[in-house]
C-alpha cells in the first residue's frame, strides 16, 4: 500500500526537464510534503543503463525527497538484460535505499492497457490478490 500526491510520466521526457526553467519538481514536492509523493514512471526508449542513469539524475536533483512509493509501467522497448543487469536491478540500485514500496509492470504508460493517472491528485495504491487498486481524488492546499 502507498498513498501520496501522484507525480510522474515518461522518464525519457522527464530527465530533459531537470535543471531547466521548466523544472518545478522540488517546489511541488515541498508544497505537498505532508502528503508525500507517489511516483508513477515508465520508460520508452531507455535501456537498463540509461534507466539507471536517469534515476540517478532524478535522485541527485532531489526529486525523490518525501517519496512514499513508486510504480513503474511496462517499458515499451522491453529492456532485455544488458550490461550485466536487468531493469529491476537498475531500479533497485538507485531506489532501494529509500525503503518504500515499489511496483513493476503496472498498466500505465505507452503499452495498452494503460490506465490514466492524474498528476497532482492524491493516489491510494494497493496491490493484493494479483490486482492493483488505484484510487485518485483531488484536494487542494490553500495558502
N, C-alpha and C. Protein backbone atom coordinates (compact mmCIF):
# COMPACT_ATOMS: atom_id res chain seq x y z
N UNK A 1 0.85 -1.18 0.00
CA UNK A 1 0.00 0.00 0.00
C UNK A 1 0.88 1.23 0.00
N UNK A 2 0.40 2.24 -0.71
CA UNK A 2 1.07 3.53 -0.69
C UNK A 2 0.05 4.63 -0.96
N UNK A 3 0.34 5.81 -0.42
CA UNK A 3 -0.58 6.93 -0.59
C UNK A 3 0.23 8.22 -0.65
N UNK A 4 -0.14 9.10 -1.58
CA UNK A 4 0.52 10.40 -1.69
C UNK A 4 0.12 11.10 -2.98
N UNK A 5 0.69 12.26 -3.20
CA UNK A 5 0.46 13.01 -4.44
C UNK A 5 1.10 12.24 -5.59
N UNK A 6 0.35 12.06 -6.65
CA UNK A 6 0.84 11.34 -7.82
C UNK A 6 1.64 12.29 -8.71
N UNK A 7 2.83 11.86 -9.05
CA UNK A 7 3.73 12.66 -9.86
C UNK A 7 4.53 11.73 -10.75
N UNK A 8 4.65 12.06 -12.03
CA UNK A 8 5.47 11.22 -12.88
C UNK A 8 5.19 11.38 -14.35
N UNK A 9 5.49 10.31 -15.09
CA UNK A 9 5.33 10.28 -16.53
C UNK A 9 6.43 9.45 -17.15
N UNK A 10 6.74 9.77 -18.39
CA UNK A 10 7.77 9.05 -19.15
C UNK A 10 9.15 9.58 -18.76
N UNK A 11 9.99 8.70 -18.24
CA UNK A 11 11.32 9.09 -17.78
C UNK A 11 12.13 9.71 -18.90
N UNK A 12 11.99 9.18 -20.10
CA UNK A 12 12.74 9.70 -21.25
C UNK A 12 12.53 11.21 -21.40
N UNK A 13 11.32 11.67 -21.14
CA UNK A 13 10.98 13.09 -21.27
C UNK A 13 11.32 13.85 -19.98
N UNK A 14 11.00 13.26 -18.84
CA UNK A 14 11.21 13.95 -17.56
C UNK A 14 12.66 14.37 -17.35
N UNK A 15 13.61 13.52 -17.74
CA UNK A 15 15.02 13.87 -17.47
C UNK A 15 15.48 15.08 -18.27
N UNK A 16 14.77 15.41 -19.36
CA UNK A 16 15.15 16.60 -20.12
C UNK A 16 14.75 17.88 -19.40
N UNK A 17 13.88 17.77 -18.41
CA UNK A 17 13.43 18.94 -17.65
C UNK A 17 14.34 19.29 -16.49
N UNK A 18 15.10 18.31 -15.99
CA UNK A 18 15.91 18.52 -14.79
C UNK A 18 16.89 19.67 -15.00
N UNK A 19 16.80 20.66 -14.12
CA UNK A 19 17.68 21.81 -14.16
C UNK A 19 17.26 22.89 -15.14
N UNK A 20 16.19 22.67 -15.86
CA UNK A 20 15.71 23.69 -16.80
C UNK A 20 14.77 24.67 -16.08
N UNK A 21 14.41 25.74 -16.77
CA UNK A 21 13.48 26.71 -16.18
C UNK A 21 12.09 26.11 -15.99
N UNK A 22 11.83 24.97 -16.62
CA UNK A 22 10.53 24.30 -16.50
C UNK A 22 10.47 23.30 -15.36
N UNK A 23 11.59 23.08 -14.71
CA UNK A 23 11.65 22.11 -13.61
C UNK A 23 11.17 22.76 -12.32
N UNK A 24 9.94 22.46 -11.96
CA UNK A 24 9.34 22.96 -10.72
C UNK A 24 9.06 21.80 -9.76
N UNK A 25 9.76 20.70 -9.98
CA UNK A 25 9.50 19.48 -9.21
C UNK A 25 9.78 19.66 -7.72
N UNK A 26 10.92 20.24 -7.38
CA UNK A 26 11.24 20.41 -5.96
C UNK A 26 10.23 21.32 -5.25
N UNK A 27 9.76 22.35 -5.94
CA UNK A 27 8.74 23.22 -5.36
C UNK A 27 7.45 22.45 -5.10
N UNK A 28 7.05 21.61 -6.05
CA UNK A 28 5.85 20.78 -5.89
C UNK A 28 6.01 19.83 -4.71
N UNK A 29 7.16 19.19 -4.63
CA UNK A 29 7.43 18.23 -3.55
C UNK A 29 7.40 18.93 -2.19
N UNK A 30 7.95 20.13 -2.11
CA UNK A 30 7.92 20.89 -0.86
C UNK A 30 6.50 21.34 -0.51
N UNK A 31 5.77 21.81 -1.52
CA UNK A 31 4.42 22.29 -1.28
C UNK A 31 3.53 21.20 -0.69
N UNK A 32 3.73 19.97 -1.16
CA UNK A 32 2.89 18.85 -0.73
C UNK A 32 3.66 17.84 0.12
N UNK A 33 4.64 18.32 0.87
CA UNK A 33 5.46 17.42 1.67
C UNK A 33 4.66 16.64 2.71
N UNK A 34 3.59 17.23 3.21
CA UNK A 34 2.79 16.49 4.21
C UNK A 34 2.03 15.33 3.58
N UNK A 35 1.73 15.42 2.28
CA UNK A 35 1.07 14.31 1.58
C UNK A 35 2.06 13.23 1.19
N UNK A 36 3.29 13.63 0.89
CA UNK A 36 4.27 12.72 0.33
C UNK A 36 3.99 12.52 -1.16
N UNK A 37 4.94 11.93 -1.84
CA UNK A 37 4.85 11.74 -3.29
C UNK A 37 4.86 10.25 -3.62
N UNK A 38 3.94 9.85 -4.49
CA UNK A 38 3.97 8.53 -5.10
C UNK A 38 4.29 8.76 -6.57
N UNK A 39 5.45 8.27 -6.98
CA UNK A 39 5.89 8.43 -8.36
C UNK A 39 5.28 7.35 -9.24
N UNK A 40 4.84 7.74 -10.44
CA UNK A 40 4.46 6.78 -11.48
C UNK A 40 5.37 7.07 -12.68
N UNK A 41 6.11 6.07 -13.09
CA UNK A 41 7.11 6.25 -14.13
C UNK A 41 7.08 5.11 -15.13
N UNK A 42 7.52 5.40 -16.33
CA UNK A 42 7.72 4.37 -17.34
C UNK A 42 8.76 4.88 -18.31
N UNK A 43 9.36 3.94 -19.03
CA UNK A 43 10.41 4.28 -19.98
C UNK A 43 10.00 3.84 -21.38
N UNK A 44 10.36 4.66 -22.34
CA UNK A 44 10.01 4.35 -23.73
C UNK A 44 11.20 3.72 -24.45
N UNK A 45 12.28 4.46 -24.57
CA UNK A 45 13.43 4.00 -25.37
C UNK A 45 14.67 3.68 -24.56
N UNK A 46 14.62 3.80 -23.26
CA UNK A 46 15.82 3.63 -22.45
C UNK A 46 16.21 2.16 -22.30
N UNK A 47 17.52 1.89 -22.34
CA UNK A 47 17.98 0.56 -21.95
C UNK A 47 18.23 0.58 -20.44
N UNK A 48 18.68 -0.52 -19.89
CA UNK A 48 18.84 -0.62 -18.43
C UNK A 48 19.82 0.39 -17.86
N UNK A 49 20.94 0.57 -18.54
CA UNK A 49 21.95 1.52 -18.05
C UNK A 49 21.41 2.95 -18.14
N UNK A 50 20.74 3.29 -19.23
CA UNK A 50 20.16 4.63 -19.37
C UNK A 50 19.08 4.86 -18.31
N UNK A 51 18.30 3.83 -18.00
CA UNK A 51 17.29 3.93 -16.94
C UNK A 51 17.97 4.22 -15.61
N UNK A 52 19.01 3.48 -15.32
CA UNK A 52 19.75 3.68 -14.06
C UNK A 52 20.31 5.10 -13.99
N UNK A 53 20.93 5.57 -15.08
CA UNK A 53 21.47 6.93 -15.13
C UNK A 53 20.38 7.97 -14.91
N UNK A 54 19.23 7.77 -15.55
CA UNK A 54 18.12 8.72 -15.41
C UNK A 54 17.64 8.79 -13.96
N UNK A 55 17.51 7.63 -13.33
CA UNK A 55 17.07 7.61 -11.93
C UNK A 55 18.10 8.26 -11.01
N UNK A 56 19.38 8.06 -11.30
CA UNK A 56 20.44 8.72 -10.52
C UNK A 56 20.31 10.24 -10.68
N UNK A 57 20.08 10.70 -11.91
CA UNK A 57 19.93 12.12 -12.16
C UNK A 57 18.73 12.69 -11.41
N UNK A 58 17.61 11.97 -11.44
CA UNK A 58 16.42 12.40 -10.71
C UNK A 58 16.69 12.43 -9.20
N UNK A 59 17.40 11.43 -8.72
CA UNK A 59 17.74 11.35 -7.30
C UNK A 59 18.64 12.51 -6.90
N UNK A 60 19.68 12.77 -7.69
CA UNK A 60 20.61 13.86 -7.38
C UNK A 60 19.93 15.23 -7.43
N UNK A 61 18.88 15.35 -8.24
CA UNK A 61 18.13 16.61 -8.33
C UNK A 61 17.15 16.79 -7.17
N UNK A 62 17.05 15.78 -6.30
CA UNK A 62 16.17 15.88 -5.13
C UNK A 62 14.74 15.49 -5.40
N UNK A 63 14.49 14.87 -6.53
CA UNK A 63 13.12 14.54 -6.90
C UNK A 63 12.50 13.45 -6.04
N UNK A 64 13.29 12.64 -5.37
CA UNK A 64 12.73 11.54 -4.60
C UNK A 64 12.55 11.87 -3.12
N UNK A 65 12.77 13.12 -2.76
CA UNK A 65 12.53 13.56 -1.39
C UNK A 65 11.03 13.40 -1.10
N UNK A 66 10.69 12.98 0.09
CA UNK A 66 9.31 12.77 0.55
C UNK A 66 8.56 11.70 -0.25
N UNK A 67 9.30 10.80 -0.87
CA UNK A 67 8.67 9.74 -1.65
C UNK A 67 8.05 8.69 -0.74
N UNK A 68 6.80 8.32 -1.04
CA UNK A 68 6.07 7.31 -0.27
C UNK A 68 6.01 5.97 -1.01
N UNK A 69 6.30 5.98 -2.31
CA UNK A 69 6.28 4.77 -3.10
C UNK A 69 6.49 5.11 -4.56
N UNK A 70 6.63 4.06 -5.37
CA UNK A 70 6.88 4.28 -6.79
C UNK A 70 6.31 3.11 -7.58
N UNK A 71 5.66 3.42 -8.69
CA UNK A 71 5.12 2.38 -9.58
C UNK A 71 5.71 2.59 -10.97
N UNK A 72 6.11 1.49 -11.59
CA UNK A 72 6.69 1.52 -12.92
C UNK A 72 5.78 0.80 -13.90
N UNK A 73 5.52 1.46 -15.02
CA UNK A 73 4.79 0.82 -16.10
C UNK A 73 5.70 -0.11 -16.88
N UNK A 74 5.09 -0.90 -17.74
CA UNK A 74 5.87 -1.79 -18.59
C UNK A 74 6.65 -0.97 -19.62
N UNK A 75 7.93 -1.23 -19.82
CA UNK A 75 8.70 -0.44 -20.78
C UNK A 75 8.32 -0.80 -22.22
N UNK A 76 8.29 0.19 -23.07
CA UNK A 76 7.94 -0.02 -24.47
C UNK A 76 8.99 -0.88 -25.17
N UNK A 77 10.26 -0.67 -24.84
CA UNK A 77 11.34 -1.38 -25.53
C UNK A 77 11.58 -2.79 -25.01
N UNK A 78 10.96 -3.16 -23.93
CA UNK A 78 11.17 -4.48 -23.36
C UNK A 78 12.33 -4.56 -22.40
N UNK A 79 13.35 -3.73 -22.57
CA UNK A 79 14.52 -3.67 -21.70
C UNK A 79 15.09 -5.04 -21.34
N UNK A 80 15.60 -5.73 -22.31
CA UNK A 80 16.23 -7.01 -22.07
C UNK A 80 17.47 -6.82 -21.20
N UNK A 81 17.88 -7.89 -20.52
CA UNK A 81 19.07 -7.81 -19.69
C UNK A 81 20.24 -7.31 -20.53
N UNK A 82 20.93 -6.33 -20.01
CA UNK A 82 22.11 -5.82 -20.69
C UNK A 82 23.05 -5.23 -19.66
N UNK A 83 24.30 -5.16 -20.03
CA UNK A 83 25.33 -4.60 -19.16
C UNK A 83 25.36 -5.28 -17.79
N UNK A 84 25.01 -6.57 -17.78
CA UNK A 84 25.10 -7.34 -16.55
C UNK A 84 23.99 -7.08 -15.54
N UNK A 85 22.92 -6.42 -15.98
CA UNK A 85 21.81 -6.18 -15.05
C UNK A 85 20.49 -6.16 -15.82
N UNK A 86 19.43 -6.44 -15.09
CA UNK A 86 18.10 -6.31 -15.69
C UNK A 86 17.49 -5.00 -15.19
N UNK A 87 16.31 -4.66 -15.69
CA UNK A 87 15.70 -3.37 -15.33
C UNK A 87 15.33 -3.30 -13.85
N UNK A 88 15.01 -4.43 -13.25
CA UNK A 88 14.66 -4.43 -11.83
C UNK A 88 15.89 -4.09 -10.99
N UNK A 89 17.02 -4.66 -11.35
CA UNK A 89 18.27 -4.36 -10.65
C UNK A 89 18.68 -2.90 -10.86
N UNK A 90 18.48 -2.40 -12.08
CA UNK A 90 18.81 -1.00 -12.38
C UNK A 90 18.02 -0.06 -11.48
N UNK A 91 16.75 -0.35 -11.30
CA UNK A 91 15.89 0.48 -10.44
C UNK A 91 16.29 0.33 -8.97
N UNK A 92 16.45 -0.91 -8.53
CA UNK A 92 16.72 -1.15 -7.12
C UNK A 92 18.05 -0.57 -6.66
N UNK A 93 19.03 -0.51 -7.56
CA UNK A 93 20.32 0.08 -7.18
C UNK A 93 20.18 1.55 -6.77
N UNK A 94 19.22 2.23 -7.35
CA UNK A 94 19.04 3.65 -7.05
C UNK A 94 17.93 3.88 -6.03
N UNK A 95 16.80 3.22 -6.20
CA UNK A 95 15.61 3.47 -5.39
C UNK A 95 15.57 2.64 -4.12
N UNK A 96 16.24 1.50 -4.10
CA UNK A 96 16.18 0.58 -2.96
C UNK A 96 16.51 1.22 -1.63
N UNK A 97 17.40 2.19 -1.64
CA UNK A 97 17.83 2.84 -0.39
C UNK A 97 16.70 3.60 0.31
N UNK A 98 15.64 3.91 -0.41
CA UNK A 98 14.54 4.68 0.16
C UNK A 98 13.57 3.81 0.97
N UNK A 99 13.67 2.51 0.81
CA UNK A 99 12.84 1.59 1.60
C UNK A 99 11.35 1.94 1.51
N UNK A 100 10.87 2.13 0.27
CA UNK A 100 9.47 2.41 0.01
C UNK A 100 8.91 1.30 -0.87
N UNK A 101 7.59 1.14 -0.90
CA UNK A 101 7.01 0.13 -1.79
C UNK A 101 7.31 0.47 -3.26
N UNK A 102 7.65 -0.56 -4.04
CA UNK A 102 7.94 -0.41 -5.46
C UNK A 102 7.16 -1.47 -6.21
N UNK A 103 6.39 -1.05 -7.21
CA UNK A 103 5.65 -1.98 -8.06
C UNK A 103 6.17 -1.87 -9.49
N UNK A 104 6.32 -3.00 -10.15
CA UNK A 104 6.76 -3.04 -11.54
C UNK A 104 5.65 -3.58 -12.43
N UNK A 105 5.75 -3.26 -13.71
CA UNK A 105 4.85 -3.79 -14.75
C UNK A 105 3.38 -3.43 -14.51
N UNK A 106 3.16 -2.22 -14.05
CA UNK A 106 1.81 -1.71 -13.82
C UNK A 106 1.23 -1.26 -15.17
N UNK A 107 -0.09 -1.34 -15.31
CA UNK A 107 -0.76 -0.94 -16.55
C UNK A 107 -0.82 0.57 -16.69
N UNK A 108 0.33 1.18 -16.98
CA UNK A 108 0.40 2.61 -17.26
C UNK A 108 1.50 2.85 -18.28
N UNK A 109 1.39 3.95 -18.97
CA UNK A 109 2.43 4.30 -19.93
C UNK A 109 2.07 4.03 -21.37
N UNK A 110 3.07 3.72 -22.18
CA UNK A 110 2.92 3.57 -23.62
C UNK A 110 2.18 2.31 -24.06
N UNK A 111 2.26 1.25 -23.27
CA UNK A 111 1.68 -0.02 -23.69
C UNK A 111 0.27 -0.21 -23.14
N UNK A 112 -0.67 -0.57 -24.00
CA UNK A 112 -2.03 -0.86 -23.51
C UNK A 112 -2.06 -2.22 -22.82
N UNK A 113 -2.97 -2.42 -21.90
CA UNK A 113 -3.88 -1.41 -21.39
C UNK A 113 -3.13 -0.40 -20.53
N UNK A 114 -3.57 0.82 -20.57
CA UNK A 114 -2.87 1.89 -19.88
C UNK A 114 -3.87 2.78 -19.16
N UNK A 115 -3.90 2.66 -17.83
CA UNK A 115 -4.86 3.45 -17.06
C UNK A 115 -4.39 4.91 -16.98
N UNK A 116 -5.32 5.83 -17.04
CA UNK A 116 -4.96 7.25 -16.91
C UNK A 116 -4.65 7.57 -15.45
N UNK A 117 -3.62 8.35 -15.27
CA UNK A 117 -3.24 8.81 -13.93
C UNK A 117 -3.21 10.33 -13.97
N UNK A 118 -3.82 10.94 -13.00
CA UNK A 118 -3.94 12.39 -12.95
C UNK A 118 -2.85 12.95 -12.05
N UNK A 119 -1.89 13.59 -12.68
CA UNK A 119 -0.77 14.18 -11.94
C UNK A 119 -1.29 15.23 -10.96
N UNK A 120 -0.79 15.14 -9.73
CA UNK A 120 -1.18 16.09 -8.71
C UNK A 120 -2.34 15.64 -7.84
N UNK A 121 -3.05 14.62 -8.29
CA UNK A 121 -4.13 14.09 -7.46
C UNK A 121 -3.53 13.28 -6.32
N UNK A 122 -4.35 13.00 -5.32
CA UNK A 122 -3.94 12.10 -4.25
C UNK A 122 -4.22 10.69 -4.75
N UNK A 123 -3.24 9.83 -4.63
CA UNK A 123 -3.43 8.45 -5.05
C UNK A 123 -3.28 7.50 -3.90
N UNK A 124 -4.17 6.55 -3.82
CA UNK A 124 -4.05 5.44 -2.89
C UNK A 124 -3.90 4.19 -3.74
N UNK A 125 -2.79 3.52 -3.58
CA UNK A 125 -2.48 2.35 -4.40
C UNK A 125 -2.32 1.15 -3.49
N UNK A 126 -2.99 0.08 -3.85
CA UNK A 126 -2.88 -1.17 -3.10
C UNK A 126 -2.75 -2.30 -4.10
N UNK A 127 -1.85 -3.21 -3.80
CA UNK A 127 -1.68 -4.40 -4.63
C UNK A 127 -1.95 -5.62 -3.75
N UNK A 128 -2.99 -6.37 -4.11
CA UNK A 128 -3.30 -7.58 -3.36
C UNK A 128 -4.04 -8.54 -4.29
N UNK A 129 -3.88 -9.82 -4.03
CA UNK A 129 -4.50 -10.87 -4.84
C UNK A 129 -4.24 -10.67 -6.33
N UNK A 130 -3.00 -10.28 -6.64
CA UNK A 130 -2.57 -10.08 -8.02
C UNK A 130 -3.40 -9.01 -8.74
N UNK A 131 -3.92 -8.04 -7.99
CA UNK A 131 -4.71 -6.97 -8.58
C UNK A 131 -4.24 -5.63 -8.00
N UNK A 132 -4.14 -4.64 -8.89
CA UNK A 132 -3.79 -3.29 -8.48
C UNK A 132 -5.06 -2.47 -8.33
N UNK A 133 -5.17 -1.81 -7.19
CA UNK A 133 -6.29 -0.92 -6.95
C UNK A 133 -5.72 0.49 -6.84
N UNK A 134 -6.21 1.39 -7.69
CA UNK A 134 -5.75 2.78 -7.67
C UNK A 134 -6.96 3.69 -7.49
N UNK A 135 -6.97 4.42 -6.39
CA UNK A 135 -7.98 5.44 -6.15
C UNK A 135 -7.31 6.79 -6.31
N UNK A 136 -7.96 7.70 -7.04
CA UNK A 136 -7.44 9.04 -7.22
C UNK A 136 -8.50 10.05 -6.79
N UNK A 137 -8.08 11.02 -6.01
CA UNK A 137 -9.01 12.07 -5.64
C UNK A 137 -8.26 13.38 -5.50
N UNK A 138 -9.01 14.47 -5.46
CA UNK A 138 -8.43 15.79 -5.50
C UNK A 138 -8.59 16.52 -4.18
N UNK A 139 -7.52 17.13 -3.77
CA UNK A 139 -7.57 18.07 -2.65
C UNK A 139 -6.64 19.21 -3.04
N UNK A 140 -6.85 20.35 -2.46
CA UNK A 140 -6.00 21.50 -2.77
C UNK A 140 -5.65 22.21 -1.47
N UNK A 141 -4.40 22.50 -1.33
CA UNK A 141 -3.93 23.25 -0.17
C UNK A 141 -4.00 24.73 -0.52
N UNK A 142 -4.71 25.50 0.28
CA UNK A 142 -4.83 26.94 0.05
C UNK A 142 -3.92 27.65 1.04
N UNK A 143 -3.10 28.55 0.53
CA UNK A 143 -2.19 29.29 1.40
C UNK A 143 -2.67 30.71 1.57
